[in-house]
Amino acid sequence: MAIDNQEFKNALKLWASGVSVVTANSAEGEQGMTATSFASVSMDPPQILVCIHEGAETGAAIMQDKKFAVSILTDQQEQASNEFAGASSMQERFSNVNWHQGDLGLPVLDDCMVSLECTVVQQVRAGTHWVIIGEVQSTQGHDGEPLLYFNSAYGKVAG
């Protein structure tokens, strides 16, 4: 017997995670959303995955353009995380943060810990989400400490 949604959410809140913003281009302009469902898949070839809700505009843009970027946020980018988590409209999200076009022409947030620009190699439907696997084509890194998310709150690395 499967657990109910609330029990599942409560369990997952206890997983500490880094925070990233997933971005893509669409005919309507830049798309982006905050995501904690991000992981490495393979070193050879270099691949990562992101999990995106089936109704997300950003996911639709990724499926159409077959490219996406992941900006892993620093502990100084909590506002950017909130913007891309839905505090602002899609247009305002990109107006309220500093960003640039990366090597593949994708929107990448300035001053993030690292950005990874990818081409889609596979997409798998899993429940209400798409698991999108991308091959990393370009990275850019910066100094900083990671922004963490745990128990529905932001945190920083102790030390």
N, C-alpha and C. Protein backbone atom coordinates (compact mmCIF):
# COMPACT_ATOMS: atom_id res chain seq x y z
N MET A 1 0.84 -1.19 0.00
CA MET A 1 0.00 0.00 0.00
C MET A 1 0.88 1.25 0.00
N ALA A 2 0.68 2.12 -0.95
CA ALA A 2 1.48 3.34 -1.07
C ALA A 2 1.08 4.34 0.01
N ILE A 3 2.04 5.16 0.39
CA ILE A 3 1.77 6.22 1.37
C ILE A 3 1.00 7.35 0.69
N ASP A 4 0.37 8.21 1.49
CA ASP A 4 -0.36 9.33 0.89
C ASP A 4 0.60 10.48 0.58
N ASN A 5 0.11 11.43 -0.22
CA ASN A 5 0.95 12.54 -0.69
C ASN A 5 1.56 13.35 0.44
N GLN A 6 0.79 13.65 1.48
CA GLN A 6 1.31 14.48 2.58
C GLN A 6 2.41 13.75 3.33
N GLU A 7 2.24 12.48 3.57
CA GLU A 7 3.27 11.70 4.25
C GLU A 7 4.56 11.68 3.41
N PHE A 8 4.40 11.55 2.11
CA PHE A 8 5.55 11.55 1.21
C PHE A 8 6.26 12.91 1.23
N LYS A 9 5.49 14.01 1.16
CA LYS A 9 6.07 15.36 1.23
C LYS A 9 6.83 15.56 2.54
N ASN A 10 6.23 15.12 3.65
CA ASN A 10 6.88 15.27 4.95
C ASN A 10 8.20 14.51 5.01
N ALA A 11 8.24 13.34 4.41
CA ALA A 11 9.48 12.57 4.38
C ALA A 11 10.55 13.27 3.54
N LEU A 12 10.17 13.77 2.38
CA LEU A 12 11.14 14.41 1.49
C LEU A 12 11.67 15.73 2.02
N LYS A 13 10.90 16.41 2.87
CA LYS A 13 11.37 17.66 3.47
C LYS A 13 12.63 17.44 4.30
N LEU A 14 12.87 16.22 4.72
CA LEU A 14 14.01 15.91 5.57
C LEU A 14 15.27 15.59 4.78
N TRP A 15 15.21 15.76 3.47
CA TRP A 15 16.37 15.57 2.61
C TRP A 15 16.98 16.94 2.32
N ALA A 16 18.20 17.19 2.81
CA ALA A 16 18.89 18.45 2.53
C ALA A 16 19.40 18.41 1.09
N SER A 17 19.21 19.51 0.39
CA SER A 17 19.57 19.55 -1.02
C SER A 17 20.12 20.91 -1.39
N GLY A 18 20.94 20.93 -2.43
CA GLY A 18 21.31 22.20 -3.03
C GLY A 18 20.12 22.75 -3.80
N VAL A 19 20.22 23.99 -4.22
CA VAL A 19 19.12 24.64 -4.94
C VAL A 19 19.64 25.08 -6.31
N SER A 20 18.86 24.79 -7.33
CA SER A 20 19.25 25.17 -8.68
C SER A 20 18.09 25.84 -9.40
N VAL A 21 18.43 26.57 -10.43
CA VAL A 21 17.43 27.15 -11.33
C VAL A 21 17.66 26.53 -12.70
N VAL A 22 16.60 25.94 -13.24
CA VAL A 22 16.65 25.31 -14.56
C VAL A 22 16.05 26.30 -15.55
N THR A 23 16.76 26.55 -16.65
CA THR A 23 16.31 27.53 -17.63
C THR A 23 16.33 26.95 -19.04
N ALA A 24 15.56 27.59 -19.90
CA ALA A 24 15.48 27.19 -21.31
C ALA A 24 14.96 28.36 -22.12
N ASN A 25 15.00 28.22 -23.43
CA ASN A 25 14.44 29.21 -24.34
C ASN A 25 13.17 28.66 -24.97
N SER A 26 12.23 29.56 -25.25
CA SER A 26 11.02 29.17 -25.96
C SER A 26 10.65 30.28 -26.93
N ALA A 27 9.64 30.05 -27.74
CA ALA A 27 9.16 31.06 -28.68
C ALA A 27 8.66 32.30 -27.93
N GLU A 28 8.21 32.11 -26.68
CA GLU A 28 7.70 33.22 -25.87
C GLU A 28 8.82 33.95 -25.12
N GLY A 29 10.03 33.44 -25.15
CA GLY A 29 11.15 34.05 -24.45
C GLY A 29 11.79 33.08 -23.48
N GLU A 30 12.55 33.62 -22.54
CA GLU A 30 13.26 32.80 -21.58
C GLU A 30 12.28 32.17 -20.59
N GLN A 31 12.56 30.95 -20.20
CA GLN A 31 11.76 30.22 -19.21
C GLN A 31 12.70 29.77 -18.10
N GLY A 32 12.19 29.71 -16.86
CA GLY A 32 13.03 29.24 -15.77
C GLY A 32 12.23 28.91 -14.53
N MET A 33 12.77 27.99 -13.74
CA MET A 33 12.11 27.56 -12.51
C MET A 33 13.14 27.04 -11.52
N THR A 34 12.83 27.19 -10.24
CA THR A 34 13.67 26.64 -9.19
C THR A 34 13.44 25.14 -9.11
N ALA A 35 14.52 24.40 -8.91
CA ALA A 35 14.40 22.94 -8.81
C ALA A 35 15.42 22.40 -7.81
N THR A 36 14.98 21.47 -6.99
CA THR A 36 15.92 20.74 -6.12
C THR A 36 16.10 19.32 -6.63
N SER A 37 15.28 18.91 -7.60
CA SER A 37 15.40 17.57 -8.19
C SER A 37 16.39 17.62 -9.34
N PHE A 38 17.66 17.54 -8.99
CA PHE A 38 18.78 17.62 -9.93
C PHE A 38 19.82 16.63 -9.45
N ALA A 39 20.44 15.91 -10.37
CA ALA A 39 21.48 14.95 -9.97
C ALA A 39 22.40 14.65 -11.15
N SER A 40 23.60 14.18 -10.83
CA SER A 40 24.49 13.69 -11.87
C SER A 40 24.04 12.28 -12.25
N VAL A 41 24.27 11.92 -13.50
CA VAL A 41 23.87 10.60 -14.00
C VAL A 41 25.10 9.80 -14.40
N SER A 42 26.00 10.42 -15.17
CA SER A 42 27.13 9.70 -15.75
C SER A 42 28.31 10.66 -15.90
N MET A 43 29.52 10.12 -15.74
CA MET A 43 30.72 10.91 -15.98
C MET A 43 31.18 10.79 -17.43
N ASP A 44 30.87 9.66 -18.07
CA ASP A 44 31.32 9.43 -19.44
C ASP A 44 30.22 8.74 -20.22
N PRO A 45 29.41 9.47 -20.97
CA PRO A 45 29.52 10.91 -21.19
C PRO A 45 28.98 11.69 -19.99
N PRO A 46 29.37 12.96 -19.86
CA PRO A 46 28.90 13.76 -18.73
C PRO A 46 27.41 14.07 -18.85
N GLN A 47 26.61 13.50 -17.95
CA GLN A 47 25.17 13.68 -18.01
C GLN A 47 24.61 14.03 -16.64
N ILE A 48 23.54 14.83 -16.65
CA ILE A 48 22.79 15.18 -15.44
C ILE A 48 21.32 14.93 -15.71
N LEU A 49 20.52 14.99 -14.64
CA LEU A 49 19.08 14.91 -14.81
C LEU A 49 18.40 15.98 -13.98
N VAL A 50 17.24 16.40 -14.46
CA VAL A 50 16.34 17.27 -13.72
C VAL A 50 14.96 16.66 -13.80
N CYS A 51 14.17 16.86 -12.77
CA CYS A 51 12.79 16.39 -12.75
C CYS A 51 11.87 17.60 -12.75
N ILE A 52 10.96 17.64 -13.71
CA ILE A 52 10.12 18.82 -13.91
C ILE A 52 8.66 18.39 -14.04
N HIS A 53 7.79 19.09 -13.32
CA HIS A 53 6.36 18.78 -13.36
C HIS A 53 5.82 18.88 -14.78
N GLU A 54 4.92 17.98 -15.12
CA GLU A 54 4.38 17.89 -16.48
C GLU A 54 3.73 19.19 -16.97
N GLY A 55 3.24 20.04 -16.08
CA GLY A 55 2.57 21.27 -16.48
C GLY A 55 3.46 22.49 -16.49
N ALA A 56 4.73 22.35 -16.17
CA ALA A 56 5.63 23.50 -16.07
C ALA A 56 5.99 24.05 -17.45
N GLU A 57 5.90 25.38 -17.58
CA GLU A 57 6.28 26.04 -18.83
C GLU A 57 7.73 25.76 -19.20
N THR A 58 8.59 25.73 -18.21
CA THR A 58 10.00 25.47 -18.47
C THR A 58 10.20 24.09 -19.07
N GLY A 59 9.48 23.12 -18.57
CA GLY A 59 9.56 21.77 -19.11
C GLY A 59 9.13 21.72 -20.57
N ALA A 60 8.06 22.43 -20.89
CA ALA A 60 7.59 22.47 -22.28
C ALA A 60 8.65 23.09 -23.18
N ALA A 61 9.32 24.14 -22.69
CA ALA A 61 10.37 24.79 -23.48
C ALA A 61 11.55 23.83 -23.70
N ILE A 62 11.91 23.08 -22.68
CA ILE A 62 13.01 22.12 -22.81
C ILE A 62 12.66 21.05 -23.84
N MET A 63 11.45 20.54 -23.77
CA MET A 63 11.02 19.50 -24.71
C MET A 63 11.05 20.01 -26.15
N GLN A 64 10.71 21.28 -26.32
CA GLN A 64 10.67 21.86 -27.67
C GLN A 64 12.06 22.18 -28.19
N ASP A 65 12.90 22.82 -27.37
CA ASP A 65 14.21 23.29 -27.81
C ASP A 65 15.30 22.22 -27.70
N LYS A 66 15.06 21.21 -26.86
CA LYS A 66 16.01 20.11 -26.63
C LYS A 66 17.32 20.58 -26.01
N LYS A 67 17.26 21.71 -25.28
CA LYS A 67 18.42 22.22 -24.55
C LYS A 67 17.93 22.81 -23.23
N PHE A 68 18.80 22.79 -22.21
CA PHE A 68 18.48 23.44 -20.95
C PHE A 68 19.78 23.75 -20.21
N ALA A 69 19.67 24.67 -19.25
CA ALA A 69 20.80 25.01 -18.39
C ALA A 69 20.38 24.85 -16.94
N VAL A 70 21.34 24.51 -16.10
CA VAL A 70 21.14 24.44 -14.66
C VAL A 70 22.14 25.39 -14.02
N SER A 71 21.64 26.34 -13.23
CA SER A 71 22.49 27.24 -12.45
C SER A 71 22.37 26.82 -10.99
N ILE A 72 23.46 26.35 -10.41
CA ILE A 72 23.47 25.93 -9.00
C ILE A 72 23.75 27.17 -8.16
N LEU A 73 22.84 27.49 -7.25
CA LEU A 73 22.86 28.77 -6.55
C LEU A 73 23.81 28.81 -5.36
N THR A 74 24.33 30.01 -5.10
CA THR A 74 25.13 30.25 -3.90
C THR A 74 24.22 30.70 -2.76
N ASP A 75 24.79 30.74 -1.57
CA ASP A 75 24.00 31.17 -0.41
C ASP A 75 23.63 32.65 -0.47
N GLN A 76 24.12 33.37 -1.46
CA GLN A 76 23.75 34.77 -1.66
C GLN A 76 22.60 34.93 -2.66
N GLN A 77 22.05 33.82 -3.16
CA GLN A 77 21.05 33.88 -4.22
C GLN A 77 19.68 33.36 -3.79
N GLU A 78 19.36 33.54 -2.53
CA GLU A 78 18.04 33.13 -2.03
C GLU A 78 16.92 33.86 -2.76
N GLN A 79 17.11 35.15 -3.04
CA GLN A 79 16.09 35.92 -3.76
C GLN A 79 15.85 35.32 -5.14
N ALA A 80 16.91 34.95 -5.83
CA ALA A 80 16.75 34.34 -7.16
C ALA A 80 15.96 33.04 -7.06
N SER A 81 16.24 32.25 -6.04
CA SER A 81 15.48 31.01 -5.85
C SER A 81 14.00 31.30 -5.68
N ASN A 82 13.68 32.29 -4.86
CA ASN A 82 12.27 32.66 -4.64
C ASN A 82 11.61 33.18 -5.91
N GLU A 83 12.34 34.02 -6.66
CA GLU A 83 11.80 34.55 -7.93
C GLU A 83 11.40 33.40 -8.85
N PHE A 84 12.30 32.44 -9.02
CA PHE A 84 12.07 31.36 -9.97
C PHE A 84 11.18 30.26 -9.40
N ALA A 85 10.89 30.32 -8.11
CA ALA A 85 9.95 29.37 -7.50
C ALA A 85 8.51 29.82 -7.68
N GLY A 86 8.32 30.98 -8.29
CA GLY A 86 6.96 31.41 -8.58
C GLY A 86 6.54 32.69 -7.91
N ALA A 87 7.47 33.35 -7.20
CA ALA A 87 7.13 34.62 -6.56
C ALA A 87 6.88 35.72 -7.59
N SER A 88 7.39 35.51 -8.80
CA SER A 88 7.24 36.50 -9.88
C SER A 88 6.74 35.81 -11.14
N SER A 89 6.21 36.62 -12.06
CA SER A 89 5.82 36.09 -13.37
C SER A 89 7.09 35.68 -14.12
N MET A 90 6.91 34.92 -15.19
CA MET A 90 8.07 34.46 -15.95
C MET A 90 8.91 35.63 -16.44
N GLN A 91 8.27 36.67 -16.97
CA GLN A 91 9.00 37.83 -17.47
C GLN A 91 9.74 38.54 -16.34
N GLU A 92 9.08 38.70 -15.19
CA GLU A 92 9.70 39.38 -14.05
C GLU A 92 10.87 38.59 -13.49
N ARG A 93 10.81 37.28 -13.55
CA ARG A 93 11.90 36.46 -13.02
C ARG A 93 13.22 36.87 -13.64
N PHE A 94 13.23 37.04 -14.95
CA PHE A 94 14.47 37.38 -15.64
C PHE A 94 14.80 38.86 -15.53
N SER A 95 13.81 39.70 -15.24
CA SER A 95 14.06 41.13 -15.04
C SER A 95 14.63 41.41 -13.66
N ASN A 96 14.34 40.54 -12.70
CA ASN A 96 14.72 40.77 -11.30
C ASN A 96 16.04 40.14 -10.89
N VAL A 97 16.70 39.43 -11.81
CA VAL A 97 18.01 38.83 -11.50
C VAL A 97 18.98 39.14 -12.63
N ASN A 98 20.26 39.06 -12.33
CA ASN A 98 21.27 39.25 -13.35
C ASN A 98 21.55 37.91 -14.02
N TRP A 99 21.56 37.92 -15.33
CA TRP A 99 21.81 36.70 -16.08
C TRP A 99 22.46 37.05 -17.42
N HIS A 100 22.96 36.03 -18.09
CA HIS A 100 23.57 36.21 -19.40
C HIS A 100 23.29 34.97 -20.25
N GLN A 101 23.54 35.10 -21.54
CA GLN A 101 23.41 33.94 -22.41
C GLN A 101 24.70 33.13 -22.33
N GLY A 102 24.55 31.84 -22.09
CA GLY A 102 25.71 30.96 -22.02
C GLY A 102 26.19 30.56 -23.40
N ASP A 103 27.10 29.61 -23.43
CA ASP A 103 27.71 29.16 -24.67
C ASP A 103 26.71 28.59 -25.67
N LEU A 104 25.62 27.98 -25.18
CA LEU A 104 24.59 27.43 -26.07
C LEU A 104 23.44 28.40 -26.30
N GLY A 105 23.61 29.65 -25.86
CA GLY A 105 22.56 30.65 -26.02
C GLY A 105 21.46 30.54 -24.98
N LEU A 106 21.69 29.76 -23.94
CA LEU A 106 20.70 29.57 -22.88
C LEU A 106 20.86 30.60 -21.78
N PRO A 107 19.77 30.97 -21.10
CA PRO A 107 19.89 31.89 -19.97
C PRO A 107 20.58 31.20 -18.79
N VAL A 108 21.62 31.86 -18.27
CA VAL A 108 22.40 31.36 -17.14
C VAL A 108 22.46 32.48 -16.10
N LEU A 109 22.21 32.16 -14.84
CA LEU A 109 22.25 33.18 -13.80
C LEU A 109 23.69 33.58 -13.50
N ASP A 110 23.92 34.90 -13.39
CA ASP A 110 25.23 35.41 -13.02
C ASP A 110 25.57 35.00 -11.59
N ASP A 111 26.85 34.82 -11.32
CA ASP A 111 27.38 34.60 -9.98
C ASP A 111 26.89 33.32 -9.31
N CYS A 112 26.34 32.38 -10.08
CA CYS A 112 25.97 31.10 -9.48
C CYS A 112 27.25 30.30 -9.21
N MET A 113 27.14 29.26 -8.38
CA MET A 113 28.32 28.44 -8.08
C MET A 113 28.86 27.78 -9.34
N VAL A 114 27.97 27.22 -10.11
CA VAL A 114 28.34 26.61 -11.38
C VAL A 114 27.10 26.55 -12.27
N SER A 115 27.32 26.69 -13.55
CA SER A 115 26.24 26.49 -14.51
C SER A 115 26.63 25.34 -15.43
N LEU A 116 25.61 24.59 -15.84
CA LEU A 116 25.81 23.47 -16.75
C LEU A 116 24.81 23.63 -17.89
N GLU A 117 25.30 23.72 -19.11
CA GLU A 117 24.42 23.81 -20.27
C GLU A 117 24.39 22.46 -20.97
N CYS A 118 23.19 22.00 -21.28
CA CYS A 118 23.00 20.63 -21.74
C CYS A 118 22.14 20.53 -22.98
N THR A 119 22.35 19.44 -23.72
CA THR A 119 21.44 19.03 -24.77
C THR A 119 20.70 17.80 -24.26
N VAL A 120 19.41 17.73 -24.55
CA VAL A 120 18.58 16.62 -24.07
C VAL A 120 18.94 15.34 -24.82
N VAL A 121 19.18 14.27 -24.05
CA VAL A 121 19.44 12.97 -24.66
C VAL A 121 18.31 11.97 -24.39
N GLN A 122 17.54 12.23 -23.35
CA GLN A 122 16.42 11.33 -23.05
C GLN A 122 15.44 12.04 -22.13
N GLN A 123 14.17 11.68 -22.27
CA GLN A 123 13.14 12.17 -21.37
C GLN A 123 12.23 10.99 -21.05
N VAL A 124 11.92 10.84 -19.76
CA VAL A 124 11.13 9.71 -19.30
C VAL A 124 9.99 10.24 -18.45
N ARG A 125 8.79 9.79 -18.72
CA ARG A 125 7.63 10.18 -17.92
C ARG A 125 7.62 9.34 -16.65
N ALA A 126 7.49 10.00 -15.50
CA ALA A 126 7.44 9.31 -14.20
C ALA A 126 6.37 9.98 -13.35
N GLY A 127 5.20 9.39 -13.27
CA GLY A 127 4.10 9.97 -12.51
C GLY A 127 3.72 11.32 -13.07
N THR A 128 3.75 12.35 -12.22
CA THR A 128 3.37 13.71 -12.63
C THR A 128 4.53 14.50 -13.21
N HIS A 129 5.69 13.89 -13.34
CA HIS A 129 6.90 14.61 -13.76
C HIS A 129 7.56 13.98 -14.99
N TRP A 130 8.40 14.80 -15.60
CA TRP A 130 9.32 14.34 -16.62
C TRP A 130 10.71 14.27 -16.00
N VAL A 131 11.40 13.18 -16.20
CA VAL A 131 12.82 13.07 -15.86
C VAL A 131 13.56 13.37 -17.16
N ILE A 132 14.31 14.45 -17.16
CA ILE A 132 14.99 14.89 -18.38
C ILE A 132 16.49 14.72 -18.17
N ILE A 133 17.10 13.93 -19.03
CA ILE A 133 18.54 13.67 -18.96
C ILE A 133 19.22 14.50 -20.03
N GLY A 134 20.25 15.24 -19.63
CA GLY A 134 20.97 16.08 -20.56
C GLY A 134 22.45 15.79 -20.55
N GLU A 135 23.07 15.88 -21.71
CA GLU A 135 24.52 15.76 -21.81
C GLU A 135 25.13 17.15 -21.67
N VAL A 136 26.04 17.29 -20.74
CA VAL A 136 26.63 18.60 -20.44
C VAL A 136 27.59 18.99 -21.57
N GLN A 137 27.33 20.16 -22.15
CA GLN A 137 28.13 20.68 -23.25
C GLN A 137 29.07 21.80 -22.81
N SER A 138 28.72 22.47 -21.69
CA SER A 138 29.49 23.62 -21.24
C SER A 138 29.26 23.84 -19.75
N THR A 139 30.32 24.25 -19.05
CA THR A 139 30.18 24.63 -17.64
C THR A 139 30.93 25.93 -17.40
N GLN A 140 30.45 26.66 -16.40
CA GLN A 140 31.14 27.86 -15.92
C GLN A 140 31.03 27.84 -14.41
N GLY A 141 32.14 28.09 -13.71
CA GLY A 141 32.12 28.05 -12.25
C GLY A 141 32.57 29.35 -11.63
N HIS A 142 32.13 29.56 -10.39
CA HIS A 142 32.47 30.76 -9.62
C HIS A 142 32.72 30.35 -8.17
N ASP A 143 33.31 31.23 -7.40
CA ASP A 143 33.51 30.97 -5.98
C ASP A 143 32.20 31.19 -5.23
N GLY A 144 32.11 30.59 -4.07
CA GLY A 144 30.94 30.80 -3.23
C GLY A 144 30.60 29.56 -2.44
N GLU A 145 29.63 29.71 -1.58
CA GLU A 145 29.10 28.61 -0.77
C GLU A 145 27.71 28.27 -1.28
N PRO A 146 27.31 27.01 -1.23
CA PRO A 146 26.02 26.62 -1.79
C PRO A 146 24.83 27.06 -0.95
N LEU A 147 23.73 27.35 -1.63
CA LEU A 147 22.44 27.56 -0.98
C LEU A 147 21.83 26.18 -0.76
N LEU A 148 21.38 25.91 0.45
CA LEU A 148 20.78 24.63 0.78
C LEU A 148 19.30 24.80 1.08
N TYR A 149 18.56 23.70 0.94
CA TYR A 149 17.13 23.69 1.26
C TYR A 149 16.86 22.46 2.10
N PHE A 150 16.26 22.67 3.30
CA PHE A 150 15.99 21.57 4.22
C PHE A 150 14.77 21.92 5.06
N ASN A 151 13.84 20.99 5.17
CA ASN A 151 12.65 21.16 6.01
C ASN A 151 11.91 22.46 5.69
N SER A 152 11.76 22.73 4.40
CA SER A 152 11.02 23.89 3.88
C SER A 152 11.67 25.23 4.21
N ALA A 153 12.99 25.23 4.42
CA ALA A 153 13.70 26.47 4.73
C ALA A 153 15.08 26.46 4.08
N TYR A 154 15.59 27.65 3.78
CA TYR A 154 16.93 27.78 3.24
C TYR A 154 17.95 27.67 4.37
N GLY A 155 19.14 27.22 4.01
CA GLY A 155 20.21 27.11 4.97
C GLY A 155 21.55 27.28 4.28
N LYS A 156 22.59 27.25 5.09
CA LYS A 156 23.96 27.39 4.59
C LYS A 156 24.80 26.28 5.18
N VAL A 157 25.94 26.04 4.57
CA VAL A 157 26.88 25.06 5.09
C VAL A 157 27.48 25.62 6.37
N ALA A 158 27.46 24.84 7.44
CA ALA A 158 28.05 25.28 8.72
C ALA A 158 29.57 25.20 8.61
N GLY A 159 30.21 26.12 9.30
CA GLY A 159 31.66 26.01 9.31
C GLY A 159 32.35 27.26 9.33
